[in-house]
């Protein structure tokens, strides 16, 4: 059981590292590289999920705490992959829609807040539990909500940039909730 927890923890960190690379590529306007790294993050998340499924098949009641730890790592990997895909998809959309105007700018702002929240969760996974981490994630998620709402207001619900902003807002909110639990788990 401990080896599965260690494997899922490593897969979550690998997914987080791939997510960071996807963010960097997106910032550098390397959409193909960003998508490749987002796919890598997704692959790591799937590996973690498969390892958890194998562990749960042979689980006894005594192993519930171990299962919860592995489940937390799997959830982190999933969120890292989701954030990487959200950012990669939006970067590709912005690269093909040079005249995106205000909706594209607002969507990019929402994605920046998503990246800040996801990076803070990755810091927690790496063992850096600063007192301001929770405030940073909460503020980033809150700002993502505001920026996404402004994007929808400016562009309308059906606009592609608004869809990207809403996806980023939802992912940032999930990351904020998970970060709270990750900090609690790491503090034990």
N, C-alpha and C. Protein backbone atom coordinates (compact mmCIF):
# COMPACT_ATOMS: atom_id res chain seq x y z
N UNK A 1 0.81 -1.20 0.00
CA UNK A 1 0.00 0.00 0.00
C UNK A 1 0.86 1.26 0.00
N UNK A 2 1.91 1.26 0.80
CA UNK A 2 2.77 2.44 0.87
C UNK A 2 3.44 2.72 -0.47
N UNK A 3 3.74 1.68 -1.21
CA UNK A 3 4.37 1.90 -2.52
C UNK A 3 3.39 2.57 -3.48
N UNK A 4 2.10 2.25 -3.36
CA UNK A 4 1.10 2.90 -4.22
C UNK A 4 0.97 4.37 -3.85
N UNK A 5 0.98 4.67 -2.56
CA UNK A 5 0.92 6.06 -2.13
C UNK A 5 2.13 6.82 -2.64
N UNK A 6 3.30 6.22 -2.54
CA UNK A 6 4.52 6.86 -3.04
C UNK A 6 4.45 7.06 -4.55
N UNK A 7 3.92 6.05 -5.26
CA UNK A 7 3.79 6.17 -6.71
C UNK A 7 2.83 7.29 -7.09
N UNK A 8 1.68 7.35 -6.42
CA UNK A 8 0.71 8.40 -6.75
C UNK A 8 1.26 9.79 -6.40
N UNK A 9 2.02 9.87 -5.32
CA UNK A 9 2.63 11.15 -4.95
C UNK A 9 3.62 11.59 -6.02
N UNK A 10 4.43 10.64 -6.49
CA UNK A 10 5.40 10.96 -7.55
C UNK A 10 4.70 11.34 -8.85
N UNK A 11 3.62 10.61 -9.18
CA UNK A 11 2.87 10.93 -10.40
C UNK A 11 2.24 12.32 -10.31
N UNK A 12 1.76 12.69 -9.12
CA UNK A 12 1.18 14.02 -8.94
C UNK A 12 2.25 15.10 -9.14
N UNK A 13 3.44 14.88 -8.58
CA UNK A 13 4.53 15.85 -8.78
C UNK A 13 4.95 15.92 -10.25
N UNK A 14 5.01 14.77 -10.90
CA UNK A 14 5.35 14.76 -12.33
C UNK A 14 4.30 15.51 -13.14
N UNK A 15 3.03 15.31 -12.79
CA UNK A 15 1.95 16.02 -13.48
C UNK A 15 2.07 17.52 -13.22
N UNK A 16 2.42 17.88 -12.00
CA UNK A 16 2.62 19.30 -11.68
C UNK A 16 3.78 19.90 -12.43
N UNK A 17 4.86 19.16 -12.56
CA UNK A 17 6.01 19.65 -13.33
C UNK A 17 5.66 19.82 -14.80
N UNK A 18 4.90 18.87 -15.34
CA UNK A 18 4.46 18.98 -16.73
C UNK A 18 3.52 20.17 -16.90
N UNK A 19 2.67 20.40 -15.89
CA UNK A 19 1.76 21.55 -15.92
C UNK A 19 2.57 22.84 -15.97
N UNK A 20 3.59 22.95 -15.13
CA UNK A 20 4.43 24.15 -15.15
C UNK A 20 5.07 24.37 -16.51
N UNK A 21 5.52 23.28 -17.11
CA UNK A 21 6.12 23.39 -18.45
C UNK A 21 5.08 23.82 -19.48
N UNK A 22 3.85 23.33 -19.33
CA UNK A 22 2.76 23.74 -20.23
C UNK A 22 2.49 25.23 -20.07
N UNK A 23 2.50 25.71 -18.82
CA UNK A 23 2.29 27.14 -18.57
C UNK A 23 3.39 27.96 -19.22
N UNK A 24 4.63 27.53 -19.04
CA UNK A 24 5.77 28.26 -19.61
C UNK A 24 5.68 28.30 -21.13
N UNK A 25 5.35 27.18 -21.73
CA UNK A 25 5.23 27.13 -23.19
C UNK A 25 4.09 28.03 -23.67
N UNK A 26 2.98 28.03 -22.95
CA UNK A 26 1.85 28.88 -23.32
C UNK A 26 2.24 30.36 -23.24
N UNK A 27 2.97 30.72 -22.19
CA UNK A 27 3.42 32.11 -22.04
C UNK A 27 4.36 32.51 -23.16
N UNK A 28 5.13 31.54 -23.67
CA UNK A 28 6.08 31.82 -24.75
C UNK A 28 5.43 31.68 -26.13
N UNK A 29 4.12 31.48 -26.16
CA UNK A 29 3.35 31.33 -27.40
C UNK A 29 3.75 30.06 -28.17
N UNK A 30 4.26 29.07 -27.46
CA UNK A 30 4.57 27.77 -28.05
C UNK A 30 3.38 26.85 -27.77
N UNK A 31 2.35 26.98 -28.58
CA UNK A 31 1.10 26.25 -28.35
C UNK A 31 1.29 24.74 -28.47
N UNK A 32 2.09 24.32 -29.42
CA UNK A 32 2.32 22.88 -29.60
C UNK A 32 3.06 22.29 -28.40
N UNK A 33 4.07 23.00 -27.92
CA UNK A 33 4.81 22.54 -26.75
C UNK A 33 3.92 22.53 -25.51
N UNK A 34 3.08 23.52 -25.39
CA UNK A 34 2.16 23.59 -24.26
C UNK A 34 1.19 22.42 -24.28
N UNK A 35 0.66 22.12 -25.44
CA UNK A 35 -0.26 20.99 -25.57
C UNK A 35 0.44 19.66 -25.27
N UNK A 36 1.67 19.51 -25.75
CA UNK A 36 2.44 18.28 -25.47
C UNK A 36 2.63 18.10 -23.96
N UNK A 37 2.95 19.17 -23.27
CA UNK A 37 3.16 19.07 -21.82
C UNK A 37 1.84 18.86 -21.09
N UNK A 38 0.76 19.43 -21.60
CA UNK A 38 -0.55 19.18 -20.99
C UNK A 38 -0.93 17.71 -21.16
N UNK A 39 -0.60 17.14 -22.31
CA UNK A 39 -0.86 15.71 -22.52
C UNK A 39 -0.01 14.87 -21.57
N UNK A 40 1.22 15.30 -21.33
CA UNK A 40 2.10 14.60 -20.38
C UNK A 40 1.50 14.64 -18.97
N UNK A 41 0.99 15.80 -18.59
CA UNK A 41 0.35 15.93 -17.26
C UNK A 41 -0.86 15.01 -17.17
N UNK A 42 -1.63 14.94 -18.24
CA UNK A 42 -2.80 14.07 -18.27
C UNK A 42 -2.39 12.61 -18.17
N UNK A 43 -1.33 12.24 -18.86
CA UNK A 43 -0.83 10.87 -18.80
C UNK A 43 -0.43 10.49 -17.37
N UNK A 44 0.24 11.40 -16.69
CA UNK A 44 0.66 11.14 -15.31
C UNK A 44 -0.56 11.02 -14.39
N UNK A 45 -1.58 11.83 -14.63
CA UNK A 45 -2.80 11.76 -13.83
C UNK A 45 -3.51 10.43 -14.04
N UNK A 46 -3.52 9.95 -15.26
CA UNK A 46 -4.14 8.65 -15.56
C UNK A 46 -3.37 7.52 -14.90
N UNK A 47 -2.03 7.59 -14.93
CA UNK A 47 -1.22 6.57 -14.26
C UNK A 47 -1.52 6.52 -12.76
N UNK A 48 -1.65 7.70 -12.15
CA UNK A 48 -1.96 7.76 -10.71
C UNK A 48 -3.33 7.17 -10.43
N UNK A 49 -4.29 7.47 -11.29
CA UNK A 49 -5.65 6.95 -11.11
C UNK A 49 -5.67 5.42 -11.24
N UNK A 50 -4.94 4.89 -12.20
CA UNK A 50 -4.88 3.43 -12.37
C UNK A 50 -4.24 2.76 -11.15
N UNK A 51 -3.18 3.37 -10.63
CA UNK A 51 -2.53 2.79 -9.44
C UNK A 51 -3.49 2.79 -8.26
N UNK A 52 -4.26 3.86 -8.12
CA UNK A 52 -5.24 3.93 -7.03
C UNK A 52 -6.31 2.87 -7.20
N UNK A 53 -6.77 2.66 -8.41
CA UNK A 53 -7.80 1.65 -8.67
C UNK A 53 -7.31 0.26 -8.29
N UNK A 54 -6.07 -0.03 -8.62
CA UNK A 54 -5.49 -1.33 -8.26
C UNK A 54 -5.42 -1.47 -6.74
N UNK A 55 -5.02 -0.39 -6.08
CA UNK A 55 -4.91 -0.43 -4.62
C UNK A 55 -6.28 -0.64 -3.97
N UNK A 56 -7.29 0.03 -4.51
CA UNK A 56 -8.62 -0.05 -3.89
C UNK A 56 -9.25 -1.44 -4.03
N UNK A 57 -8.87 -2.18 -5.05
CA UNK A 57 -9.40 -3.53 -5.22
C UNK A 57 -9.00 -4.44 -4.07
N UNK A 58 -7.80 -4.23 -3.54
CA UNK A 58 -7.32 -5.09 -2.47
C UNK A 58 -7.36 -4.42 -1.11
N UNK A 59 -8.17 -3.38 -0.98
CA UNK A 59 -8.19 -2.58 0.25
C UNK A 59 -8.96 -3.26 1.38
N UNK A 60 -8.42 -3.12 2.56
CA UNK A 60 -9.13 -3.54 3.76
C UNK A 60 -9.49 -2.28 4.54
N UNK A 61 -10.30 -2.42 5.56
CA UNK A 61 -10.72 -1.27 6.35
C UNK A 61 -9.52 -0.59 7.01
N UNK A 62 -8.54 -1.35 7.39
CA UNK A 62 -7.35 -0.79 8.05
C UNK A 62 -6.55 0.12 7.14
N UNK A 63 -6.75 0.03 5.85
CA UNK A 63 -5.97 0.81 4.90
C UNK A 63 -6.69 2.06 4.41
N UNK A 64 -7.75 2.49 5.09
CA UNK A 64 -8.50 3.65 4.63
C UNK A 64 -7.67 4.92 4.64
N UNK A 65 -6.85 5.13 5.66
CA UNK A 65 -6.02 6.34 5.70
C UNK A 65 -5.02 6.36 4.56
N UNK A 66 -4.45 5.21 4.28
CA UNK A 66 -3.52 5.11 3.16
C UNK A 66 -4.24 5.41 1.86
N UNK A 67 -5.45 4.90 1.71
CA UNK A 67 -6.25 5.14 0.51
C UNK A 67 -6.56 6.62 0.34
N UNK A 68 -6.88 7.27 1.44
CA UNK A 68 -7.18 8.71 1.37
C UNK A 68 -5.96 9.51 0.92
N UNK A 69 -4.80 9.13 1.40
CA UNK A 69 -3.58 9.83 0.98
C UNK A 69 -3.36 9.64 -0.52
N UNK A 70 -3.51 8.42 -0.99
CA UNK A 70 -3.34 8.15 -2.42
C UNK A 70 -4.40 8.89 -3.24
N UNK A 71 -5.62 8.91 -2.74
CA UNK A 71 -6.70 9.63 -3.44
C UNK A 71 -6.38 11.12 -3.54
N UNK A 72 -5.81 11.68 -2.49
CA UNK A 72 -5.41 13.09 -2.54
C UNK A 72 -4.37 13.34 -3.61
N UNK A 73 -3.41 12.45 -3.74
CA UNK A 73 -2.38 12.60 -4.78
C UNK A 73 -2.99 12.49 -6.18
N UNK A 74 -3.93 11.56 -6.32
CA UNK A 74 -4.61 11.39 -7.62
C UNK A 74 -5.39 12.64 -7.96
N UNK A 75 -6.07 13.21 -6.97
CA UNK A 75 -6.83 14.44 -7.21
C UNK A 75 -5.90 15.59 -7.59
N UNK A 76 -4.76 15.69 -6.94
CA UNK A 76 -3.79 16.73 -7.30
C UNK A 76 -3.34 16.56 -8.75
N UNK A 77 -3.01 15.33 -9.13
CA UNK A 77 -2.57 15.07 -10.50
C UNK A 77 -3.66 15.44 -11.50
N UNK A 78 -4.91 15.10 -11.17
CA UNK A 78 -6.04 15.44 -12.05
C UNK A 78 -6.17 16.95 -12.21
N UNK A 79 -6.05 17.67 -11.12
CA UNK A 79 -6.17 19.13 -11.19
C UNK A 79 -5.02 19.77 -11.95
N UNK A 80 -3.81 19.22 -11.78
CA UNK A 80 -2.68 19.74 -12.55
C UNK A 80 -2.90 19.52 -14.05
N UNK A 81 -3.38 18.34 -14.40
CA UNK A 81 -3.65 18.04 -15.81
C UNK A 81 -4.76 18.94 -16.34
N UNK A 82 -5.79 19.13 -15.55
CA UNK A 82 -6.91 19.98 -15.98
C UNK A 82 -6.46 21.42 -16.18
N UNK A 83 -5.67 21.94 -15.26
CA UNK A 83 -5.16 23.30 -15.39
C UNK A 83 -4.28 23.44 -16.62
N UNK A 84 -3.42 22.45 -16.85
CA UNK A 84 -2.54 22.49 -18.03
C UNK A 84 -3.35 22.48 -19.31
N UNK A 85 -4.39 21.65 -19.37
CA UNK A 85 -5.23 21.60 -20.57
C UNK A 85 -6.00 22.90 -20.76
N UNK A 86 -6.53 23.46 -19.69
CA UNK A 86 -7.26 24.74 -19.79
C UNK A 86 -6.35 25.82 -20.36
N UNK A 87 -5.14 25.92 -19.85
CA UNK A 87 -4.20 26.94 -20.30
C UNK A 87 -3.76 26.68 -21.74
N UNK A 88 -3.46 25.43 -22.07
CA UNK A 88 -3.02 25.10 -23.43
C UNK A 88 -4.11 25.38 -24.46
N UNK A 89 -5.33 24.98 -24.13
CA UNK A 89 -6.45 25.21 -25.05
C UNK A 89 -6.67 26.71 -25.28
N UNK A 90 -6.62 27.48 -24.22
CA UNK A 90 -6.83 28.92 -24.35
C UNK A 90 -5.68 29.59 -25.11
N UNK A 91 -4.45 29.12 -24.89
CA UNK A 91 -3.31 29.69 -25.61
C UNK A 91 -3.43 29.42 -27.10
N UNK A 92 -3.87 28.23 -27.45
CA UNK A 92 -4.08 27.90 -28.86
C UNK A 92 -5.18 28.77 -29.46
N UNK A 93 -6.24 28.96 -28.72
CA UNK A 93 -7.35 29.79 -29.22
C UNK A 93 -6.89 31.23 -29.42
N UNK A 94 -6.12 31.75 -28.46
CA UNK A 94 -5.64 33.13 -28.60
C UNK A 94 -4.68 33.27 -29.77
N UNK A 95 -3.89 32.23 -30.03
CA UNK A 95 -2.93 32.32 -31.14
C UNK A 95 -3.64 32.33 -32.49
N UNK A 96 -4.80 31.70 -32.57
CA UNK A 96 -5.53 31.68 -33.84
C UNK A 96 -6.51 32.84 -33.96
N UNK A 97 -6.79 33.53 -32.86
CA UNK A 97 -7.74 34.65 -32.86
C UNK A 97 -7.01 35.90 -32.41
N UNK A 98 -6.20 36.44 -33.28
CA UNK A 98 -5.39 37.62 -32.94
C UNK A 98 -6.26 38.85 -32.66
N UNK A 99 -7.46 38.88 -33.19
CA UNK A 99 -8.35 40.03 -33.00
C UNK A 99 -9.38 39.75 -31.90
N UNK A 100 -8.95 39.04 -30.87
CA UNK A 100 -9.87 38.66 -29.79
C UNK A 100 -10.34 39.83 -28.96
N UNK A 101 -9.58 40.90 -28.94
CA UNK A 101 -9.97 42.11 -28.23
C UNK A 101 -10.10 41.93 -26.73
N UNK A 102 -11.06 42.61 -26.17
CA UNK A 102 -11.29 42.61 -24.73
C UNK A 102 -11.62 41.22 -24.18
N UNK A 103 -12.44 40.42 -24.86
CA UNK A 103 -12.70 39.07 -24.33
C UNK A 103 -11.42 38.23 -24.21
N UNK A 104 -10.54 38.32 -25.18
CA UNK A 104 -9.28 37.56 -25.13
C UNK A 104 -8.40 38.05 -23.99
N UNK A 105 -8.38 39.36 -23.79
CA UNK A 105 -7.57 39.93 -22.71
C UNK A 105 -8.11 39.49 -21.34
N UNK A 106 -9.43 39.54 -21.19
CA UNK A 106 -10.04 39.13 -19.91
C UNK A 106 -9.86 37.63 -19.68
N UNK A 107 -9.96 36.85 -20.73
CA UNK A 107 -9.75 35.41 -20.61
C UNK A 107 -8.32 35.13 -20.17
N UNK A 108 -7.36 35.84 -20.76
CA UNK A 108 -5.95 35.67 -20.39
C UNK A 108 -5.73 36.04 -18.92
N UNK A 109 -6.45 37.04 -18.45
CA UNK A 109 -6.34 37.43 -17.04
C UNK A 109 -6.85 36.31 -16.13
N UNK A 110 -7.97 35.71 -16.52
CA UNK A 110 -8.52 34.59 -15.74
C UNK A 110 -7.53 33.44 -15.70
N UNK A 111 -6.92 33.14 -16.83
CA UNK A 111 -5.95 32.05 -16.91
C UNK A 111 -4.70 32.34 -16.07
N UNK A 112 -4.31 33.60 -15.99
CA UNK A 112 -3.17 33.96 -15.15
C UNK A 112 -3.47 33.64 -13.69
N UNK A 113 -4.70 33.91 -13.26
CA UNK A 113 -5.07 33.60 -11.89
C UNK A 113 -5.14 32.09 -11.67
N UNK A 114 -5.61 31.36 -12.66
CA UNK A 114 -5.61 29.90 -12.58
C UNK A 114 -4.18 29.39 -12.42
N UNK A 115 -3.25 29.92 -13.21
CA UNK A 115 -1.86 29.48 -13.12
C UNK A 115 -1.28 29.77 -11.74
N UNK A 116 -1.65 30.91 -11.16
CA UNK A 116 -1.15 31.25 -9.82
C UNK A 116 -1.68 30.25 -8.78
N UNK A 117 -2.96 29.92 -8.88
CA UNK A 117 -3.55 28.97 -7.93
C UNK A 117 -2.92 27.58 -8.09
N UNK A 118 -2.77 27.13 -9.32
CA UNK A 118 -2.20 25.80 -9.57
C UNK A 118 -0.74 25.74 -9.11
N UNK A 119 0.00 26.80 -9.32
CA UNK A 119 1.40 26.83 -8.88
C UNK A 119 1.50 26.78 -7.36
N UNK A 120 0.55 27.41 -6.68
CA UNK A 120 0.56 27.37 -5.20
C UNK A 120 0.28 25.95 -4.71
N UNK A 121 -0.66 25.26 -5.35
CA UNK A 121 -0.93 23.87 -4.97
C UNK A 121 0.31 23.01 -5.21
N UNK A 122 1.00 23.24 -6.31
CA UNK A 122 2.23 22.50 -6.59
C UNK A 122 3.29 22.78 -5.53
N UNK A 123 3.36 24.02 -5.06
CA UNK A 123 4.29 24.35 -3.98
C UNK A 123 3.98 23.54 -2.72
N UNK A 124 2.69 23.37 -2.43
CA UNK A 124 2.29 22.56 -1.27
C UNK A 124 2.74 21.12 -1.49
N UNK A 125 2.54 20.59 -2.70
CA UNK A 125 2.96 19.22 -3.01
C UNK A 125 4.47 19.05 -2.84
N UNK A 126 5.20 20.09 -3.11
CA UNK A 126 6.66 20.04 -3.01
C UNK A 126 7.14 20.22 -1.57
N UNK A 127 6.21 20.50 -0.67
CA UNK A 127 6.57 20.61 0.74
C UNK A 127 6.71 22.02 1.25
N UNK A 128 6.43 22.99 0.44
CA UNK A 128 6.53 24.38 0.85
C UNK A 128 5.17 24.86 1.33
N UNK A 129 4.97 24.84 2.62
CA UNK A 129 3.69 25.27 3.17
C UNK A 129 3.89 26.60 3.86
N UNK A 130 3.91 27.63 3.08
CA UNK A 130 4.04 28.97 3.63
C UNK A 130 2.67 29.40 4.17
N UNK A 131 2.71 30.28 5.14
CA UNK A 131 1.47 30.76 5.74
C UNK A 131 0.59 31.48 4.73
N UNK A 132 1.22 32.10 3.76
CA UNK A 132 0.44 32.87 2.79
C UNK A 132 -0.07 32.04 1.62
N UNK A 133 0.25 30.74 1.58
CA UNK A 133 -0.17 29.89 0.45
C UNK A 133 -1.69 29.86 0.32
N UNK A 134 -2.38 29.65 1.42
CA UNK A 134 -3.84 29.60 1.36
C UNK A 134 -4.42 30.94 0.93
N UNK A 135 -3.85 32.03 1.43
CA UNK A 135 -4.34 33.36 1.01
C UNK A 135 -4.10 33.56 -0.47
N UNK A 136 -2.94 33.14 -0.93
CA UNK A 136 -2.59 33.29 -2.34
C UNK A 136 -3.57 32.53 -3.23
N UNK A 137 -3.86 31.30 -2.87
CA UNK A 137 -4.78 30.49 -3.66
C UNK A 137 -6.19 31.07 -3.61
N UNK A 138 -6.63 31.45 -2.42
CA UNK A 138 -7.97 32.01 -2.28
C UNK A 138 -8.11 33.29 -3.10
N UNK A 139 -7.10 34.14 -3.04
CA UNK A 139 -7.16 35.38 -3.80
C UNK A 139 -7.14 35.11 -5.30
N UNK A 140 -6.30 34.17 -5.72
CA UNK A 140 -6.24 33.84 -7.16
C UNK A 140 -7.57 33.28 -7.64
N UNK A 141 -8.18 32.40 -6.85
CA UNK A 141 -9.47 31.83 -7.24
C UNK A 141 -10.55 32.89 -7.28
N UNK A 142 -10.53 33.79 -6.29
CA UNK A 142 -11.52 34.87 -6.26
C UNK A 142 -11.36 35.79 -7.46
N UNK A 143 -10.12 36.14 -7.76
CA UNK A 143 -9.86 37.01 -8.92
C UNK A 143 -10.20 36.31 -10.23
N UNK A 144 -10.01 35.00 -10.29
CA UNK A 144 -10.39 34.24 -11.50
C UNK A 144 -11.89 34.32 -11.71
N UNK A 145 -12.66 34.22 -10.63
CA UNK A 145 -14.12 34.34 -10.72
C UNK A 145 -14.50 35.71 -11.27
N UNK A 146 -13.93 36.76 -10.71
CA UNK A 146 -14.25 38.12 -11.15
C UNK A 146 -13.87 38.34 -12.62
N UNK A 147 -12.67 37.89 -12.99
CA UNK A 147 -12.21 38.07 -14.38
C UNK A 147 -13.07 37.27 -15.35
N UNK A 148 -13.43 36.05 -14.96
CA UNK A 148 -14.28 35.24 -15.84
C UNK A 148 -15.66 35.86 -16.00
N UNK A 149 -16.22 36.36 -14.91
CA UNK A 149 -17.52 37.02 -14.99
C UNK A 149 -17.47 38.25 -15.89
N UNK A 150 -16.38 39.01 -15.81
CA UNK A 150 -16.20 40.16 -16.69
C UNK A 150 -16.08 39.72 -18.15
N UNK A 151 -15.39 38.63 -18.38
CA UNK A 151 -15.23 38.11 -19.75
C UNK A 151 -16.59 37.76 -20.33
N UNK A 152 -17.39 37.05 -19.55
CA UNK A 152 -18.73 36.67 -20.02
C UNK A 152 -19.58 37.90 -20.26
N UNK A 153 -19.45 38.89 -19.38
CA UNK A 153 -20.23 40.12 -19.52
C UNK A 153 -19.85 40.86 -20.80
N UNK A 154 -18.56 40.93 -21.09
CA UNK A 154 -18.06 41.65 -22.26
C UNK A 154 -18.36 40.88 -23.55
N UNK A 155 -18.15 39.56 -23.53
CA UNK A 155 -18.19 38.77 -24.76
C UNK A 155 -19.49 38.01 -24.97
N UNK A 156 -20.20 37.69 -23.91
CA UNK A 156 -21.38 36.84 -24.04
C UNK A 156 -21.03 35.40 -23.75
N UNK A 157 -22.06 34.63 -23.40
CA UNK A 157 -21.86 33.24 -22.99
C UNK A 157 -21.23 32.36 -24.06
N UNK A 158 -21.59 32.55 -25.31
CA UNK A 158 -21.16 31.66 -26.38
C UNK A 158 -19.77 31.95 -26.92
N UNK A 159 -19.17 33.05 -26.53
CA UNK A 159 -17.86 33.42 -27.03
C UNK A 159 -16.81 32.41 -26.57
N UNK A 160 -15.92 32.03 -27.47
CA UNK A 160 -14.90 31.02 -27.16
C UNK A 160 -14.00 31.46 -26.01
N UNK A 161 -13.65 32.74 -25.97
CA UNK A 161 -12.80 33.23 -24.88
C UNK A 161 -13.54 33.19 -23.55
N UNK A 162 -14.84 33.44 -23.59
CA UNK A 162 -15.65 33.35 -22.37
C UNK A 162 -15.72 31.90 -21.88
N UNK A 163 -15.81 30.97 -22.80
CA UNK A 163 -15.83 29.54 -22.44
C UNK A 163 -14.51 29.17 -21.76
N UNK A 164 -13.39 29.64 -22.32
CA UNK A 164 -12.07 29.39 -21.72
C UNK A 164 -11.99 30.00 -20.32
N UNK A 165 -12.50 31.21 -20.17
CA UNK A 165 -12.45 31.89 -18.88
C UNK A 165 -13.27 31.16 -17.83
N UNK A 166 -14.46 30.69 -18.21
CA UNK A 166 -15.31 29.96 -17.27
C UNK A 166 -14.65 28.64 -16.87
N UNK A 167 -14.04 27.95 -17.83
CA UNK A 167 -13.33 26.69 -17.51
C UNK A 167 -12.19 26.97 -16.54
N UNK A 168 -11.44 28.04 -16.77
CA UNK A 168 -10.33 28.39 -15.88
C UNK A 168 -10.85 28.76 -14.49
N UNK A 169 -11.95 29.47 -14.44
CA UNK A 169 -12.56 29.85 -13.15
C UNK A 169 -12.94 28.60 -12.36
N UNK A 170 -13.58 27.66 -13.03
CA UNK A 170 -14.01 26.43 -12.35
C UNK A 170 -12.82 25.61 -11.86
N UNK A 171 -11.78 25.51 -12.67
CA UNK A 171 -10.58 24.78 -12.26
C UNK A 171 -9.90 25.48 -11.09
N UNK A 172 -9.83 26.80 -11.12
CA UNK A 172 -9.22 27.55 -10.01
C UNK A 172 -9.99 27.32 -8.72
N UNK A 173 -11.31 27.26 -8.80
CA UNK A 173 -12.11 27.00 -7.60
C UNK A 173 -11.85 25.59 -7.05
N UNK A 174 -11.75 24.61 -7.93
CA UNK A 174 -11.42 23.25 -7.50
C UNK A 174 -10.05 23.19 -6.84
N UNK A 175 -9.09 23.89 -7.43
CA UNK A 175 -7.74 23.92 -6.89
C UNK A 175 -7.71 24.58 -5.52
N UNK A 176 -8.48 25.63 -5.35
CA UNK A 176 -8.54 26.31 -4.04
C UNK A 176 -9.05 25.36 -2.97
N UNK A 177 -10.11 24.61 -3.28
CA UNK A 177 -10.65 23.65 -2.31
C UNK A 177 -9.62 22.56 -2.01
N UNK A 178 -8.97 22.05 -3.02
CA UNK A 178 -8.00 20.97 -2.83
C UNK A 178 -6.78 21.46 -2.06
N UNK A 179 -6.36 22.69 -2.29
CA UNK A 179 -5.20 23.23 -1.58
C UNK A 179 -5.45 23.27 -0.09
N UNK A 180 -6.66 23.65 0.31
CA UNK A 180 -7.01 23.66 1.73
C UNK A 180 -6.80 22.28 2.33
N UNK A 181 -7.28 21.24 1.65
CA UNK A 181 -7.12 19.87 2.14
C UNK A 181 -5.66 19.43 2.10
N UNK A 182 -4.95 19.81 1.05
CA UNK A 182 -3.54 19.41 0.95
C UNK A 182 -2.72 20.02 2.07
N UNK A 183 -3.00 21.26 2.41
CA UNK A 183 -2.28 21.92 3.51
C UNK A 183 -2.61 21.22 4.83
N UNK A 184 -3.87 20.89 5.03
CA UNK A 184 -4.26 20.17 6.26
C UNK A 184 -3.56 18.82 6.35
N UNK A 185 -3.52 18.08 5.24
CA UNK A 185 -2.87 16.77 5.23
C UNK A 185 -1.38 16.90 5.51
N UNK A 186 -0.76 17.88 4.88
CA UNK A 186 0.68 18.05 5.03
C UNK A 186 1.05 18.53 6.44
N UNK A 187 0.12 19.20 7.10
CA UNK A 187 0.38 19.72 8.44
C UNK A 187 0.29 18.65 9.52
N UNK A 188 -0.30 17.50 9.18
CA UNK A 188 -0.49 16.43 10.17
C UNK A 188 0.80 15.75 10.51
